[in-house]
C-alpha atoms as a PDB file:
ATOM      1  CA  MET A   1      72.473  98.011 113.653  1.00  0.00           C
ATOM      2  CA  ALA A   2      69.353  99.906 114.098  1.00  0.00           C
ATOM      3  CA  GLY A   3      70.129 103.298 115.152  1.00  0.00           C
ATOM      4  CA  ILE A   4      73.706 103.764 113.541  1.00  0.00           C
ATOM      5  CA  GLU A   5      73.884 105.110 110.254  1.00  0.00           C
ATOM      6  CA  PRO A   6      76.399 106.337 107.707  1.00  0.00           C
ATOM      7  CA  GLN A   7      76.289 110.283 107.092  1.00  0.00           C
ATOM      8  CA  PRO A   8      73.580 111.446 104.078  1.00  0.00           C
ATOM      9  CA  GLY A   9      75.481 109.981 100.305  1.00  0.00           C
ATOM     10  CA  ILE A  10      77.565 107.646 101.374  1.00  0.00           C
ATOM     11  CA  MET A  11      75.214 104.743 101.347  1.00  0.00           C
ATOM     12  CA  ASP A  12      75.026 106.124  97.237  1.00  0.00           C
ATOM     13  CA  ILE A  13      78.276 105.671  96.290  1.00  0.00           C
ATOM     14  CA  ALA A  14      79.072 103.024  93.728  1.00  0.00           C
ATOM     15  CA  LEU A  15      82.055 101.592  94.290  1.00  0.00           C
ATOM     16  CA  TYR A  16      85.021 102.611  92.173  1.00  0.00           C
ATOM     17  CA  VAL A  17      86.041  99.926  89.809  1.00  0.00           C
ATOM     18  CA  GLY A  18      89.399  99.997  88.832  1.00  0.00           C
ATOM     19  CA  GLY A  19      91.626  98.107  85.762  1.00  0.00           C
ATOM     20  CA  LYS A  20      91.553  94.413  85.623  1.00  0.00           C
ATOM     21  CA  SER A  21      94.832  93.085  86.240  1.00  0.00           C
ATOM     22  CA  SER A  22      94.622  89.544  85.372  1.00  0.00           C
ATOM     23  CA  VAL A  23      92.451  86.709  83.704  1.00  0.00           C
ATOM     24  CA  ASP A  24      91.345  83.638  85.213  1.00  0.00           C
ATOM     25  CA  GLY A  25      93.968  80.674  83.557  1.00  0.00           C
ATOM     26  CA  VAL A  26      95.956  82.815  81.487  1.00  0.00           C
ATOM     27  CA  SER A  27      99.449  84.127  82.376  1.00  0.00           C
ATOM     28  CA  ASN A  28     101.350  86.986  81.512  1.00  0.00           C
ATOM     29  CA  VAL A  29      99.126  89.253  80.256  1.00  0.00           C
ATOM     30  CA  ILE A  30      99.623  92.612  78.842  1.00  0.00           C
ATOM     31  CA  LYS A  31      97.581  94.631  81.130  1.00  0.00           C
ATOM     32  CA  LEU A  32      96.487  98.054  78.861  1.00  0.00           C
ATOM     33  CA  SER A  33      93.927  98.612  81.450  1.00  0.00           C
ATOM     34  CA  SER A  34      95.264 101.560  84.024  1.00  0.00           C
ATOM     35  CA  ASN A  35      97.477 103.681  82.087  1.00  0.00           C
ATOM     36  CA  GLU A  36     100.402 102.879  83.535  1.00  0.00           C
ATOM     37  CA  ASN A  37     103.507 103.725  82.100  1.00  0.00           C
ATOM     38  CA  PRO A  38     104.975 100.655  80.309  1.00  0.00           C
ATOM     39  CA  PHE A  39     108.925 102.000  81.021  1.00  0.00           C
ATOM     40  CA  GLY A  40     108.252 101.808  84.354  1.00  0.00           C
ATOM     41  CA  PRO A  41     109.503 104.573  86.944  1.00  0.00           C
ATOM     42  CA  SER A  42     112.656 105.994  86.819  1.00  0.00           C
ATOM     43  CA  PRO A  43     116.072 104.663  87.253  1.00  0.00           C
ATOM     44  CA  ALA A  44     116.880 107.665  89.880  1.00  0.00           C
ATOM     45  CA  ALA A  45     113.375 106.765  91.493  1.00  0.00           C
ATOM     46  CA  GLN A  46     114.364 103.306  91.659  1.00  0.00           C
ATOM     47  CA  ASP A  47     117.930 104.158  93.641  1.00  0.00           C
ATOM     48  CA  ALA A  48     116.480 106.419  95.966  1.00  0.00           C
ATOM     49  CA  VAL A  49     113.739 103.395  96.976  1.00  0.00           C
ATOM     50  CA  ARG A  50     116.693 101.554  97.902  1.00  0.00           C
ATOM     51  CA  ARG A  51     118.298 104.061  99.511  1.00  0.00           C
ATOM     52  CA  VAL A  52     115.671 105.287 102.088  1.00  0.00           C
ATOM     53  CA  VAL A  53     114.307 101.647 103.031  1.00  0.00           C
ATOM     54  CA  HIS A  54     117.434 101.506 105.930  1.00  0.00           C
ATOM     55  CA  GLU A  55     114.803 104.646 107.479  1.00  0.00           C
ATOM     56  CA  ILE A  56     111.268 103.699 107.602  1.00  0.00           C
ATOM     57  CA  HIS A  57     111.486 103.402 110.816  1.00  0.00           C
ATOM     58  CA  ARG A  58     111.480 106.679 110.924  1.00  0.00           C
ATOM     59  CA  TYR A  59     108.617 109.285 110.485  1.00  0.00           C
ATOM     60  CA  PRO A  60     108.651 111.003 107.010  1.00  0.00           C
ATOM     61  CA  SER A  61     108.587 114.555 106.930  1.00  0.00           C
ATOM     62  CA  THR A  62     105.080 116.371 107.571  1.00  0.00           C
ATOM     63  CA  ASP A  63     105.539 119.315 105.205  1.00  0.00           C
ATOM     64  CA  HIS A  64     106.587 117.717 102.171  1.00  0.00           C
ATOM     65  CA  ALA A  65     109.359 120.494 101.686  1.00  0.00           C
ATOM     66  CA  GLU A  66     111.901 118.531  99.574  1.00  0.00           C
ATOM     67  CA  LEU A  67     109.309 117.307  97.237  1.00  0.00           C
ATOM     68  CA  ARG A  68     107.964 120.735  96.872  1.00  0.00           C
ATOM     69  CA  THR A  69     110.770 122.867  96.109  1.00  0.00           C
ATOM     70  CA  ALA A  70     111.692 119.683  93.599  1.00  0.00           C
ATOM     71  CA  ILE A  71     108.298 120.035  92.000  1.00  0.00           C
ATOM     72  CA  ALA A  72     108.395 123.855  91.975  1.00  0.00           C
ATOM     73  CA  GLU A  73     111.993 124.202  90.719  1.00  0.00           C
ATOM     74  CA  VAL A  74     110.978 121.488  87.922  1.00  0.00           C
ATOM     75  CA  HIS A  75     107.738 123.932  86.787  1.00  0.00           C
ATOM     76  CA  GLY A  76     108.311 127.185  87.621  1.00  0.00           C
ATOM     77  CA  LEU A  77     106.011 127.233  90.641  1.00  0.00           C
ATOM     78  CA  GLN A  78     105.984 128.373  94.163  1.00  0.00           C
ATOM     79  CA  SER A  79     106.024 126.086  96.519  1.00  0.00           C
ATOM     80  CA  SER A  80     104.468 127.275  99.141  1.00  0.00           C
ATOM     81  CA  ARG A  81     101.517 127.131  96.872  1.00  0.00           C
ATOM     82  CA  ILE A  82     101.774 123.323  96.611  1.00  0.00           C
ATOM     83  CA  ILE A  83     100.008 121.025  98.573  1.00  0.00           C
ATOM     84  CA  CYS A  84     100.932 116.838  98.103  1.00  0.00           C
ATOM     85  CA  GLY A  85      98.761 114.268  98.955  1.00  0.00           C
ATOM     86  CA  VAL A  86      98.232 110.570  98.035  1.00  0.00           C
ATOM     87  CA  GLY A  87      97.478 110.833  94.488  1.00  0.00           C
ATOM     88  CA  SER A  88      96.290 113.979  93.292  1.00  0.00           C
ATOM     89  CA  ASP A  89      92.493 111.751  94.492  1.00  0.00           C
ATOM     90  CA  GLU A  90      93.229 113.041  97.984  1.00  0.00           C
ATOM     91  CA  VAL A  91      93.714 116.380  96.956  1.00  0.00           C
ATOM     92  CA  LEU A  92      90.530 116.317  95.310  1.00  0.00           C
ATOM     93  CA  GLN A  93      89.227 114.584  98.455  1.00  0.00           C
ATOM     94  CA  PHE A  94      90.532 118.016 100.886  1.00  0.00           C
ATOM     95  CA  LEU A  95      88.368 120.006  97.784  1.00  0.00           C
ATOM     96  CA  ALA A  96      85.472 118.278  98.597  1.00  0.00           C
ATOM     97  CA  GLN A  97      85.978 117.877 102.362  1.00  0.00           C
ATOM     98  CA  ALA A  98      86.991 121.844 102.925  1.00  0.00           C
ATOM     99  CA  TYR A  99      84.327 123.537 100.561  1.00  0.00           C
ATOM    100  CA  ALA A 100      81.453 121.355 100.082  1.00  0.00           C
ATOM    101  CA  GLY A 101      79.048 119.489 101.839  1.00  0.00           C
ATOM    102  CA  PRO A 102      75.267 119.205 102.391  1.00  0.00           C
ATOM    103  CA  GLY A 103      72.625 121.230  99.762  1.00  0.00           C
ATOM    104  CA  ASP A 104      75.784 122.597  98.262  1.00  0.00           C
ATOM    105  CA  GLU A 105      76.553 120.967  94.530  1.00  0.00           C
ATOM    106  CA  VAL A 106      79.437 119.879  92.957  1.00  0.00           C
ATOM    107  CA  ILE A 107      79.883 120.147  88.755  1.00  0.00           C
ATOM    108  CA  HIS A 108      81.225 117.477  86.707  1.00  0.00           C
ATOM    109  CA  THR A 109      80.678 116.264  82.948  1.00  0.00           C
ATOM    110  CA  GLU A 110      78.963 113.108  81.825  1.00  0.00           C
ATOM    111  CA  HIS A 111      82.152 111.499  80.645  1.00  0.00           C
ATOM    112  CA  GLY A 112      84.269 112.589  83.133  1.00  0.00           C
ATOM    113  CA  PHE A 113      86.873 110.950  86.016  1.00  0.00           C
ATOM    114  CA  ALA A 114      84.262 108.480  87.823  1.00  0.00           C
ATOM    115  CA  MET A 115      85.710 110.086  91.599  1.00  0.00           C
ATOM    116  CA  TYR A 116      84.069 113.359  90.696  1.00  0.00           C
ATOM    117  CA  ALA A 117      80.561 112.103  91.599  1.00  0.00           C
ATOM    118  CA  ILE A 118      81.743 109.947  94.445  1.00  0.00           C
ATOM    119  CA  LEU A 119      83.942 112.587  95.898  1.00  0.00           C
ATOM    120  CA  ALA A 120      80.715 114.505  96.056  1.00  0.00           C
ATOM    121  CA  GLN A 121      78.519 112.321  97.534  1.00  0.00           C
ATOM    122  CA  SER A 122      81.180 111.343 100.274  1.00  0.00           C
ATOM    123  CA  VAL A 123      80.501 114.752 101.923  1.00  0.00           C
ATOM    124  CA  GLY A 124      76.777 114.605 101.871  1.00  0.00           C
ATOM    125  CA  ALA A 125      76.884 117.293  98.170  1.00  0.00           C
ATOM    126  CA  THR A 126      74.678 116.604  95.261  1.00  0.00           C
ATOM    127  CA  PRO A 127      76.771 115.535  91.871  1.00  0.00           C
ATOM    128  CA  VAL A 128      75.424 117.938  88.874  1.00  0.00           C
ATOM    129  CA  GLU A 129      76.445 115.759  85.914  1.00  0.00           C
ATOM    130  CA  VAL A 130      76.560 118.188  82.503  1.00  0.00           C
ATOM    131  CA  ALA A 131      76.698 116.550  79.076  1.00  0.00           C
ATOM    132  CA  GLU A 132      80.037 116.927  76.974  1.00  0.00           C
ATOM    133  CA  ARG A 133      79.718 118.009  73.160  1.00  0.00           C
ATOM    134  CA  GLU A 134      80.967 114.998  71.301  1.00  0.00           C
ATOM    135  CA  ARG A 135      83.196 113.293  73.732  1.00  0.00           C
ATOM    136  CA  VAL A 136      84.786 117.213  74.653  1.00  0.00           C
ATOM    137  CA  VAL A 137      83.938 119.211  78.375  1.00  0.00           C
ATOM    138  CA  CYS A 138      81.604 122.008  77.112  1.00  0.00           C
ATOM    139  CA  VAL A 139      82.340 125.393  78.457  1.00  0.00           C
ATOM    140  CA  ASP A 140      78.765 126.704  77.766  1.00  0.00           C
ATOM    141  CA  THR A 141      76.645 123.714  79.544  1.00  0.00           C
ATOM    142  CA  ILE A 142      78.991 123.471  82.493  1.00  0.00           C
ATOM    143  CA  LEU A 143      77.876 127.365  82.954  1.00  0.00           C
ATOM    144  CA  ALA A 144      74.575 126.691  82.354  1.00  0.00           C
ATOM    145  CA  ALA A 145      74.284 124.011  85.016  1.00  0.00           C
ATOM    146  CA  CYS A 146      76.094 126.381  87.591  1.00  0.00           C
ATOM    147  CA  SER A 147      73.541 128.103  90.558  1.00  0.00           C
ATOM    148  CA  ASP A 148      73.638 129.858  93.635  1.00  0.00           C
ATOM    149  CA  ARG A 149      74.875 126.332  95.050  1.00  0.00           C
ATOM    150  CA  THR A 150      77.996 125.239  93.367  1.00  0.00           C
ATOM    151  CA  LYS A 151      80.695 124.868  94.925  1.00  0.00           C
ATOM    152  CA  LEU A 152      83.190 122.926  92.683  1.00  0.00           C
ATOM    153  CA  VAL A 153      83.520 122.231  89.448  1.00  0.00           C
ATOM    154  CA  PHE A 154      85.634 119.304  87.985  1.00  0.00           C
ATOM    155  CA  ILE A 155      87.164 119.071  84.811  1.00  0.00           C
ATOM    156  CA  ALA A 156      90.359 116.726  83.543  1.00  0.00           C
ATOM    157  CA  ASN A 157      92.059 118.215  81.059  1.00  0.00           C
ATOM    158  CA  PRO A 158      93.028 116.143  79.069  1.00  0.00           C
ATOM    159  CA  ASN A 159      89.965 114.066  80.273  1.00  0.00           C
ATOM    160  CA  ASN A 160      90.005 110.550  80.881  1.00  0.00           C
ATOM    161  CA  PRO A 161      88.854 108.468  79.334  1.00  0.00           C
ATOM    162  CA  THR A 162      88.075 109.810  76.183  1.00  0.00           C
ATOM    163  CA  GLY A 163      91.697 111.638  76.192  1.00  0.00           C
ATOM    164  CA  THR A 164      90.276 114.891  74.323  1.00  0.00           C
ATOM    165  CA  MET A 165      91.145 118.441  76.055  1.00  0.00           C
ATOM    166  CA  ILE A 166      89.473 121.640  76.075  1.00  0.00           C
ATOM    167  CA  GLY A 167      91.654 125.030  75.115  1.00  0.00           C
ATOM    168  CA  LEU A 168      93.506 127.471  77.429  1.00  0.00           C
ATOM    169  CA  ALA A 169      90.805 130.079  76.184  1.00  0.00           C
ATOM    170  CA  GLU A 170      87.672 128.219  76.972  1.00  0.00           C
ATOM    171  CA  ILE A 171      89.311 127.252  79.796  1.00  0.00           C
ATOM    172  CA  GLU A 172      89.864 130.735  80.888  1.00  0.00           C
ATOM    173  CA  ARG A 173      86.313 131.554  79.827  1.00  0.00           C
ATOM    174  CA  LEU A 174      85.075 128.981  82.120  1.00  0.00           C
ATOM    175  CA  ALA A 175      87.012 130.352  85.290  1.00  0.00           C
ATOM    176  CA  ASP A 176      85.836 133.873  84.657  1.00  0.00           C
ATOM    177  CA  ASN A 177      82.235 132.965  84.270  1.00  0.00           C
ATOM    178  CA  LEU A 178      82.057 130.717  87.197  1.00  0.00           C
ATOM    179  CA  PRO A 179      79.639 132.097  89.968  1.00  0.00           C
ATOM    180  CA  PRO A 180      81.689 133.945  92.924  1.00  0.00           C
ATOM    181  CA  GLN A 181      80.976 130.787  95.071  1.00  0.00           C
ATOM    182  CA  ALA A 182      83.083 128.126  93.361  1.00  0.00           C
ATOM    183  CA  ILE A 183      86.390 126.628  92.459  1.00  0.00           C
ATOM    184  CA  LEU A 184      87.519 125.585  89.248  1.00  0.00           C
ATOM    185  CA  VAL A 185      89.328 122.116  89.990  1.00  0.00           C
ATOM    186  CA  LEU A 186      91.656 121.108  86.743  1.00  0.00           C
ATOM    187  CA  ASP A 187      92.391 117.412  86.705  1.00  0.00           C
ATOM    188  CA  GLY A 188      95.195 117.024  85.202  1.00  0.00           C
ATOM    189  CA  ALA A 189      96.669 113.374  85.955  1.00  0.00           C
ATOM    190  CA  TYR A 190      97.444 113.589  82.040  1.00  0.00           C
ATOM    191  CA  ALA A 191      98.421 116.870  81.640  1.00  0.00           C
ATOM    192  CA  ASP A 192     102.078 115.563  81.565  1.00  0.00           C
ATOM    193  CA  TYR A 193     102.076 113.798  77.944  1.00  0.00           C
ATOM    194  CA  VAL A 194     100.436 117.140  76.368  1.00  0.00           C
ATOM    195  CA  GLU A 195     104.144 119.097  75.028  1.00  0.00           C
ATOM    196  CA  GLY A 196     104.282 122.234  76.123  1.00  0.00           C
ATOM    197  CA  TYR A 197     100.845 122.261  78.315  1.00  0.00           C
ATOM    198  CA  ASP A 198     101.240 123.780  82.051  1.00  0.00           C
ATOM    199  CA  GLY A 199      98.352 122.228  83.546  1.00  0.00           C
ATOM    200  CA  GLY A 200      96.805 125.382  83.711  1.00  0.00           C
ATOM    201  CA  ALA A 201      99.714 126.518  86.284  1.00  0.00           C
ATOM    202  CA  ARG A 202      99.431 130.005  85.187  1.00  0.00           C
ATOM    203  CA  LEU A 203      96.043 130.505  85.061  1.00  0.00           C
ATOM    204  CA  VAL A 204      95.860 129.651  88.814  1.00  0.00           C
ATOM    205  CA  GLU A 205      98.144 132.131  89.081  1.00  0.00           C
ATOM    206  CA  SER A 206      96.329 134.503  87.063  1.00  0.00           C
ATOM    207  CA  ARG A 207      92.775 133.566  88.986  1.00  0.00           C
ATOM    208  CA  GLN A 208      91.991 133.686  92.596  1.00  0.00           C
ATOM    209  CA  ASN A 209      89.228 130.536  91.965  1.00  0.00           C
ATOM    210  CA  VAL A 210      91.107 128.056  90.095  1.00  0.00           C
ATOM    211  CA  ILE A 211      93.245 124.978  91.607  1.00  0.00           C
ATOM    212  CA  MET A 212      94.907 122.187  89.413  1.00  0.00           C
ATOM    213  CA  THR A 213      96.038 118.991  90.248  1.00  0.00           C
ATOM    214  CA  ARG A 214      99.021 116.402  89.269  1.00  0.00           C
ATOM    215  CA  THR A 215      99.983 113.028  89.562  1.00  0.00           C
ATOM    216  CA  PHE A 216     103.055 110.835  89.893  1.00  0.00           C
ATOM    217  CA  SER A 217     100.975 107.622  88.749  1.00  0.00           C
ATOM    218  CA  LYS A 218     100.834 108.420  84.936  1.00  0.00           C
ATOM    219  CA  LEU A 219     104.144 109.509  82.954  1.00  0.00           C
ATOM    220  CA  TYR A 220     106.234 109.253  86.286  1.00  0.00           C
ATOM    221  CA  GLY A 221     105.884 105.496  86.417  1.00  0.00           C
ATOM    222  CA  LEU A 222     104.945 105.703  90.314  1.00  0.00           C
ATOM    223  CA  GLY A 223     101.031 104.518  90.438  1.00  0.00           C
ATOM    224  CA  GLY A 224     102.128 102.164  93.383  1.00  0.00           C
ATOM    225  CA  MET A 225     103.488 104.867  95.510  1.00  0.00           C
ATOM    226  CA  ARG A 226     100.606 107.015  95.677  1.00  0.00           C
ATOM    227  CA  VAL A 227     102.030 110.639  95.278  1.00  0.00           C
ATOM    228  CA  GLY A 228     100.371 113.716  93.871  1.00  0.00           C
ATOM    229  CA  TRP A 229      99.850 117.257  94.432  1.00  0.00           C
ATOM    230  CA  GLY A 230      98.152 120.514  93.653  1.00  0.00           C
ATOM    231  CA  TYR A 231      99.037 123.980  93.159  1.00  0.00           C
ATOM    232  CA  GLY A 232      96.491 127.076  94.204  1.00  0.00           C
ATOM    233  CA  PRO A 233      96.179 130.157  95.419  1.00  0.00           C
ATOM    234  CA  GLN A 234      97.812 130.360  99.089  1.00  0.00           C
ATOM    235  CA  TYR A 235      94.409 130.577 100.262  1.00  0.00           C
ATOM    236  CA  ILE A 236      92.821 127.594  99.421  1.00  0.00           C
ATOM    237  CA  ILE A 237      96.694 125.744 100.132  1.00  0.00           C
ATOM    238  CA  ASP A 238      96.413 127.028 103.803  1.00  0.00           C
ATOM    239  CA  VAL A 239      92.556 125.611 104.101  1.00  0.00           C
ATOM    240  CA  LEU A 240      93.522 122.169 102.462  1.00  0.00           C
ATOM    241  CA  THR A 241      96.685 122.096 104.531  1.00  0.00           C
ATOM    242  CA  ARG A 242      94.481 122.071 107.424  1.00  0.00           C
ATOM    243  CA  ILE A 243      92.322 118.809 106.946  1.00  0.00           C
ATOM    244  CA  ARG A 244      95.255 116.802 105.424  1.00  0.00           C
ATOM    245  CA  GLN A 245      97.072 114.218 107.907  1.00  0.00           C
ATOM    246  CA  PRO A 246     100.415 115.397 108.868  1.00  0.00           C
ATOM    247  CA  PHE A 247     101.960 112.027 107.631  1.00  0.00           C
ATOM    248  CA  ASN A 248      99.835 111.376 104.952  1.00  0.00           C
ATOM    249  CA  LEU A 249     102.895 110.373 102.256  1.00  0.00           C
ATOM    250  CA  SER A 250     105.172 107.906 103.265  1.00  0.00           C
ATOM    251  CA  SER A 251     109.291 108.849 103.787  1.00  0.00           C
ATOM    252  CA  VAL A 252     109.661 105.935 100.466  1.00  0.00           C
ATOM    253  CA  ALA A 253     107.199 107.656  98.411  1.00  0.00           C
ATOM    254  CA  LEU A 254     109.025 111.016  99.355  1.00  0.00           C
ATOM    255  CA  LYS A 255     112.035 110.409  97.858  1.00  0.00           C
ATOM    256  CA  ALA A 256     110.838 108.462  94.950  1.00  0.00           C
ATOM    257  CA  ALA A 257     108.978 111.348  93.811  1.00  0.00           C
ATOM    258  CA  GLU A 258     111.544 114.137  94.075  1.00  0.00           C
ATOM    259  CA  ALA A 259     114.000 111.809  92.174  1.00  0.00           C
ATOM    260  CA  ALA A 260     111.337 111.026  89.292  1.00  0.00           C
ATOM    261  CA  ILE A 261     110.557 114.420  89.021  1.00  0.00           C
ATOM    262  CA  ARG A 262     113.937 115.469  88.613  1.00  0.00           C
ATOM    263  CA  ASP A 263     114.953 112.765  86.345  1.00  0.00           C
ATOM    264  CA  THR A 264     113.872 114.769  83.184  1.00  0.00           C
ATOM    265  CA  ALA A 265     115.747 112.815  80.407  1.00  0.00           C
ATOM    266  CA  HIS A 266     113.337 109.407  81.719  1.00  0.00           C
ATOM    267  CA  VAL A 267     110.101 111.995  81.522  1.00  0.00           C
ATOM    268  CA  GLU A 268     111.139 113.226  78.016  1.00  0.00           C
ATOM    269  CA  LYS A 269     111.656 109.769  76.589  1.00  0.00           C
ATOM    270  CA  SER A 270     108.744 108.478  78.306  1.00  0.00           C
ATOM    271  CA  ARG A 271     106.515 111.429  76.706  1.00  0.00           C
ATOM    272  CA  GLU A 272     107.991 110.734  73.086  1.00  0.00           C
ATOM    273  CA  GLU A 273     107.819 107.289  72.934  1.00  0.00           C
ATOM    274  CA  ASN A 274     103.709 107.766  73.773  1.00  0.00           C
ATOM    275  CA  THR A 275     103.501 110.425  71.757  1.00  0.00           C
ATOM    276  CA  ARG A 276     104.884 108.074  68.941  1.00  0.00           C
ATOM    277  CA  TRP A 277     102.942 104.492  69.853  1.00  0.00           C
ATOM    278  CA  ARG A 278      99.583 107.025  70.660  1.00  0.00           C
ATOM    279  CA  ALA A 279      99.456 107.948  67.242  1.00  0.00           C
ATOM    280  CA  TRP A 280     100.567 104.125  65.982  1.00  0.00           C
ATOM    281  CA  LEU A 281      98.327 102.787  67.747  1.00  0.00           C
ATOM    282  CA  ALA A 282      95.346 105.340  66.542  1.00  0.00           C
ATOM    283  CA  GLU A 283      96.146 104.750  62.996  1.00  0.00           C
ATOM    284  CA  ALA A 284      96.120 100.603  63.188  1.00  0.00           C
ATOM    285  CA  LEU A 285      93.059 101.123  65.071  1.00  0.00           C
ATOM    286  CA  ALA A 286      91.162 102.888  62.251  1.00  0.00           C
ATOM    287  CA  GLU A 287      92.572 100.750  59.558  1.00  0.00           C
ATOM    288  CA  HIS A 288      90.946  98.005  61.268  1.00  0.00           C
ATOM    289  CA  GLY A 289      87.618 100.012  61.369  1.00  0.00           C
ATOM    290  CA  VAL A 290      87.355 101.223  65.154  1.00  0.00           C
ATOM    291  CA  PRO A 291      87.869 105.288  65.440  1.00  0.00           C
ATOM    292  CA  SER A 292      89.221 107.062  68.669  1.00  0.00           C
ATOM    293  CA  ASP A 293      89.184 110.907  68.685  1.00  0.00           C
ATOM    294  CA  ALA A 294      92.733 112.506  68.715  1.00  0.00           C
ATOM    295  CA  SER A 295      93.077 111.960  72.220  1.00  0.00           C
ATOM    296  CA  THR A 296      96.274 113.438  74.228  1.00  0.00           C
ATOM    297  CA  ALA A 297      96.338 111.413  76.973  1.00  0.00           C
ATOM    298  CA  ASN A 298      98.537 107.998  77.311  1.00  0.00           C
ATOM    299  CA  PHE A 299      95.549 106.245  75.861  1.00  0.00           C
ATOM    300  CA  VAL A 300      92.966 105.943  73.070  1.00  0.00           C
ATOM    301  CA  LEU A 301      89.244 105.251  73.243  1.00  0.00           C
ATOM    302  CA  ALA A 302      88.129 102.826  71.011  1.00  0.00           C
ATOM    303  CA  ARG A 303      84.930 103.249  69.536  1.00  0.00           C
ATOM    304  CA  PHE A 304      82.966 100.424  68.062  1.00  0.00           C
ATOM    305  CA  GLY A 305      79.807 100.213  66.505  1.00  0.00           C
ATOM    306  CA  SER A 306      77.766  99.175  69.267  1.00  0.00           C
ATOM    307  CA  PRO A 307      78.032  97.648  72.828  1.00  0.00           C
ATOM    308  CA  ASP A 308      77.982  94.054  71.952  1.00  0.00           C
ATOM    309  CA  GLU A 309      80.580  94.658  69.647  1.00  0.00           C
ATOM    310  CA  ALA A 310      82.442  96.382  71.952  1.00  0.00           C
ATOM    311  CA  GLY A 311      81.913  93.653  74.967  1.00  0.00           C
ATOM    312  CA  ALA A 312      82.404  91.067  72.356  1.00  0.00           C
ATOM    313  CA  CYS A 313      85.969  92.691  71.441  1.00  0.00           C
ATOM    314  CA  ASP A 314      86.462  93.059  74.987  1.00  0.00           C
ATOM    315  CA  THR A 315      86.190  89.346  75.691  1.00  0.00           C
ATOM    316  CA  PHE A 316      88.621  87.855  72.783  1.00  0.00           C
ATOM    317  CA  LEU A 317      91.187  89.791  73.643  1.00  0.00           C
ATOM    318  CA  GLN A 318      90.869  89.103  77.142  1.00  0.00           C
ATOM    319  CA  SER A 319      91.136  85.570  75.539  1.00  0.00           C
ATOM    320  CA  GLN A 320      94.474  86.449  74.052  1.00  0.00           C
ATOM    321  CA  GLY A 321      96.024  87.786  77.164  1.00  0.00           C
ATOM    322  CA  ILE A 322      94.925  91.449  76.829  1.00  0.00           C
ATOM    323  CA  LEU A 323      93.651  93.545  79.391  1.00  0.00           C
ATOM    324  CA  VAL A 324      91.741  97.064  77.954  1.00  0.00           C
ATOM    325  CA  ARG A 325      88.746  98.486  80.174  1.00  0.00           C
ATOM    326  CA  ARG A 326      85.449  98.727  79.287  1.00  0.00           C
ATOM    327  CA  VAL A 327      84.337 102.206  79.976  1.00  0.00           C
ATOM    328  CA  THR A 328      80.265 101.262  80.199  1.00  0.00           C
ATOM    329  CA  GLY A 329      80.000 103.588  83.845  1.00  0.00           C
ATOM    330  CA  TYR A 330      81.567 106.917  81.912  1.00  0.00           C
ATOM    331  CA  LYS A 331      78.563 106.179  79.998  1.00  0.00           C
ATOM    332  CA  LEU A 332      80.695 104.708  76.841  1.00  0.00           C
ATOM    333  CA  PRO A 333      79.141 101.429  76.544  1.00  0.00           C
ATOM    334  CA  ALA A 334      79.825 101.169  72.818  1.00  0.00           C
ATOM    335  CA  ALA A 335      83.929 102.031  73.528  1.00  0.00           C
ATOM    336  CA  LEU A 336      86.898 100.408  74.705  1.00  0.00           C
ATOM    337  CA  ARG A 337      89.764 102.673  76.414  1.00  0.00           C
ATOM    338  CA  ILE A 338      93.423 100.966  75.539  1.00  0.00           C
ATOM    339  CA  THR A 339      96.489 102.148  77.423  1.00  0.00           C
ATOM    340  CA  VAL A 340      99.529 102.978  75.366  1.00  0.00           C
ATOM    341  CA  GLY A 341     101.791 100.820  75.939  1.00  0.00           C
ATOM    342  CA  ASP A 342     105.058  99.557  74.218  1.00  0.00           C
ATOM    343  CA  GLU A 343     105.757  98.659  70.757  1.00  0.00           C
ATOM    344  CA  ALA A 344     105.494  95.272  71.648  1.00  0.00           C
ATOM    345  CA  SER A 345     102.241  96.051  73.628  1.00  0.00           C
ATOM    346  CA  CYS A 346     100.493  98.173  70.760  1.00  0.00           C
ATOM    347  CA  ARG A 347     101.149  95.863  68.094  1.00  0.00           C
ATOM    348  CA  ARG A 348      99.515  92.570  69.746  1.00  0.00           C
ATOM    349  CA  VAL A 349      96.536  94.728  70.338  1.00  0.00           C
ATOM    350  CA  ALA A 350      95.845  96.337  67.329  1.00  0.00           C
ATOM    351  CA  HIS A 351      96.648  92.595  65.661  1.00  0.00           C
ATOM    352  CA  CYS A 352      94.102  91.618  67.964  1.00  0.00           C
ATOM    353  CA  ILE A 353      91.468  93.563  67.301  1.00  0.00           C
ATOM    354  CA  GLY A 354      91.974  93.309  63.656  1.00  0.00           C
ATOM    355  CA  LEU A 355      91.541  89.346  63.719  1.00  0.00           C
ATOM    356  CA  PHE A 356      88.600  90.281  66.159  1.00  0.00           C
ATOM    357  CA  LYS A 357      87.431  92.683  63.101  1.00  0.00           C
ATOM    358  CA  ALA A 358      88.053  90.212  60.883  1.00  0.00           C
ATOM    359  CA  GLY A 359      85.793  87.306  62.109  1.00  0.00           C
ATOM    360  CA  ALA A 360      88.196  85.425  64.486  1.00  0.00           C
ATOM    361  CA  ARG A 361      85.944  84.936  67.139  1.00  0.00           C
END
């Protein structure tokens, strides 16, 4: 209607498109498009959901104290410096709302998670895209892009959709050389898949300009529950808490997440199986002439000779009832992101890509 306009930047947002979950005319598809845990959620989390059902007429906790305590105990963190959100996406949104706006700049990398630019635009800030180096985040290009307008720097480590990551020394160098008004945001949605990696927690505790986020949607198998969290300096957490809706997480989601994070046996099994079949899948694809970078997440980025070949392979896989993710929107038109599934799924997708490469199209 004339005279009624949204805030600047909102209409410039290209809507986020998730991974496909169905194919017309095909039943029992193998979904390898959304990086979900093929083993599902912890049995303990499922039991927690069943137990809390009779209490869903009650409002949930507003401070998420029990979940924050569980996260703190499992990861050795300070619970007062944890904030929970509707997926880690909401924590990222809080950061954009609180620290960026018109006239500000938000840095993200060329193959980084699509939501970073969307979040910047949603608050009227300017997204600034910087180059990666062979599909790996480059600290030098990020620092070169910084200015007195830079407020947030988003990097996913490991990165989605490339699966690559940078080491602690490079993250420290980035944090130490940012402009004084900028916050480094370490998106650790896939950090749980890296054995021995704390997602940047120790860095957060030694710096005042770094915050990390994590999620229950990947390794913990709770994508449908939408639970994530952030860990940062107390002054940043205090700011974000002021704009968080008091009942943003349901009682069902809170109980499921608490049980999931305490079920360390399920976590270890899921991580070990992912590591095993990720290596197998990458090797199997390479034998078919489809290379991929060394992935540290729960997917591989399969690279083809051209965008046309990648598209044709995706179409062939769909005809076989297999869903993977096109990543053209991430400026990787000649690649397909393939979730590491269970053994049967990995063998099936590798076999079908082998058929495709052999000419069965």
